[in-house]
Structures are given as structure tokens and as C-alpha cells.
Amino acid sequence: MAWLYLALAGVFEVCFTTTLRFVDHFKNLWATVGFLVCVSLSLLFLELANNSIPLGTAYAIWTGTGAVGTVVIGMIWFGEPANVPRVLLIVGVVGCAIGLKFTAGK
């Protein structure tokens, strides 16, 4: 269950980084509310996952998931570059996260 919590924390991290793009110095009410809800849920699920997964592993996977998800969202919806080096680096981050999962122990 802890790994599901960590996955949810990562999804909500991508959501809060994406909504952050629209908050406009916290003047856009709906984007600000979405940002605050997503940040809260992300941290809640990270805390729940951290009860069973080692802190360093949980944090590294959480930040990696957020980074990869945010870069992919940027490429798909915001026209950010999707060149070979960027894609290979994303694959590297995903590989590292998978490695951490399999070496995390209990």
C-alpha cells in the first residue's frame, strides 16, 4: 500500500507543479485552490508512504516522479523541447527510481 501512496504523491506533485504555472502570483483563484489542494494531497500521500518506505527512497522517488511528470507535461502541453538528450535523461531518472524501489528493502 505504501508504494501506491507514493505513486499518488507523485501524481499530485505533477498536478501541483502544473497548476503552479497558472496561479499568476496567486491572483487566479481556481488555479491557486487547485495548487493548494494538490500540494496538500501530495504531501499527505508522501507522509503515508514514508511510514513504510525509507525516507531517502521515498523522497527520491517522489521528486523523480514529479520531475519526470512535469517535464513530460511541459513537452506535451506547453511545447517544451522533446529532443533525444532530454528523453534519454528522463529515461535515466525513471531507471534510477526503479532501481531505488528494488533496493529499498522493507
Protein backbone atom coordinates (compact mmCIF):
# COMPACT_ATOMS: atom_id res chain seq x y z
CA MET A 1 0.00 0.00 0.00
CA ALA A 2 2.92 2.35 0.70
CA TRP A 3 4.04 2.22 -2.92
CA LEU A 4 0.52 3.14 -4.04
CA TYR A 5 0.63 6.11 -1.67
CA LEU A 6 3.98 7.12 -3.11
CA ALA A 7 2.63 6.87 -6.66
CA LEU A 8 -0.34 9.06 -5.68
CA ALA A 9 2.03 11.54 -4.06
CA GLY A 10 3.95 11.73 -7.33
CA VAL A 11 0.79 12.23 -9.38
CA PHE A 12 -0.33 15.07 -7.15
CA GLU A 13 3.15 16.57 -7.31
CA VAL A 14 2.84 16.73 -11.09
CA CYS A 15 -0.60 18.30 -10.64
CA PHE A 16 0.67 20.99 -8.27
CA THR A 17 3.64 21.88 -10.46
CA THR A 18 1.33 22.12 -13.46
CA THR A 19 -1.26 24.28 -11.67
CA LEU A 20 1.56 26.47 -10.37
CA ARG A 21 2.04 27.62 -13.96
CA PHE A 22 -1.41 29.25 -13.85
CA VAL A 23 -1.64 30.79 -10.36
CA ASP A 24 -0.42 34.20 -11.61
CA HIS A 25 1.09 35.41 -8.32
CA PHE A 26 -1.83 33.70 -6.55
CA LYS A 27 -4.33 36.04 -8.26
CA ASN A 28 -6.03 33.24 -10.23
CA LEU A 29 -8.35 31.82 -7.56
CA TRP A 30 -9.16 28.47 -9.18
CA ALA A 31 -5.56 27.70 -10.08
CA THR A 32 -4.46 28.71 -6.58
CA VAL A 33 -7.06 26.46 -4.95
CA GLY A 34 -6.08 23.60 -7.25
CA PHE A 35 -2.43 24.16 -6.42
CA LEU A 36 -3.06 24.18 -2.65
CA VAL A 37 -5.25 21.06 -2.80
CA CYS A 38 -2.70 19.18 -4.93
CA VAL A 39 0.25 20.23 -2.74
CA SER A 40 -1.63 19.12 0.37
CA LEU A 41 -2.59 15.75 -1.09
CA SER A 42 0.91 15.17 -2.43
CA LEU A 43 2.48 15.78 0.96
CA LEU A 44 -0.20 13.72 2.72
CA PHE A 45 0.44 10.70 0.49
CA LEU A 46 4.21 11.18 0.79
CA GLU A 47 3.88 11.12 4.58
CA LEU A 48 1.74 7.96 4.44
CA ALA A 49 4.27 6.26 2.16
CA ASN A 50 7.13 7.34 4.40
CA ASN A 51 5.71 5.22 7.23
CA SER A 52 6.86 2.08 5.38
CA ILE A 53 9.38 3.19 2.77
CA PRO A 54 12.77 4.58 3.83
CA LEU A 55 12.80 8.39 3.81
CA GLY A 56 15.60 8.78 1.26
CA THR A 57 13.99 6.32 -1.13
CA ALA A 58 10.53 7.83 -0.79
CA TYR A 59 11.80 11.36 -1.27
CA ALA A 60 13.98 10.48 -4.26
CA ILE A 61 11.14 8.67 -6.00
CA TRP A 62 8.67 11.45 -5.16
CA THR A 63 10.91 14.16 -6.59
CA GLY A 64 11.89 12.00 -9.56
CA THR A 65 8.27 11.26 -10.36
CA GLY A 66 7.42 14.93 -10.11
CA ALA A 67 10.36 15.97 -12.26
CA VAL A 68 9.68 13.40 -14.98
CA GLY A 69 5.94 14.03 -14.98
CA THR A 70 6.39 17.79 -15.10
CA VAL A 71 8.88 17.58 -17.97
CA VAL A 72 6.56 15.27 -19.93
CA ILE A 73 3.57 17.58 -19.32
CA GLY A 74 5.72 20.50 -20.46
CA MET A 75 6.65 18.67 -23.65
CA ILE A 76 3.10 17.55 -24.45
CA TRP A 77 1.02 20.59 -23.47
CA PHE A 78 3.37 23.56 -23.31
CA GLY A 79 5.60 22.98 -26.31
CA GLU A 80 8.84 22.46 -24.40
CA PRO A 81 11.66 20.76 -26.33
CA ALA A 82 11.37 16.98 -26.70
CA ASN A 83 14.79 16.21 -28.14
CA VAL A 84 16.75 12.98 -27.80
CA PRO A 85 19.03 14.10 -24.93
CA ARG A 86 16.06 15.21 -22.81
CA VAL A 87 14.17 11.97 -23.44
CA LEU A 88 17.25 9.89 -22.61
CA LEU A 89 17.75 11.82 -19.38
CA ILE A 90 14.10 11.22 -18.44
CA VAL A 91 14.58 7.50 -19.10
CA GLY A 92 17.63 7.65 -16.81
CA VAL A 93 15.62 9.21 -13.98
CA VAL A 94 12.92 6.55 -14.38
CA GLY A 95 15.58 3.82 -14.33
CA CYS A 96 17.06 5.22 -11.13
CA ALA A 97 13.62 5.31 -9.47
CA ILE A 98 13.00 1.70 -10.43
CA GLY A 99 16.42 0.76 -9.04
CA LEU A 100 15.63 2.51 -5.76
CA LYS A 101 12.33 0.64 -5.47
CA PHE A 102 14.03 -2.72 -5.85
CA THR A 103 16.82 -1.91 -3.40
CA ALA A 104 14.65 -0.23 -0.74
CA GLY A 105 14.20 -3.33 1.39
CA LYS A 106 11.23 -3.33 3.75
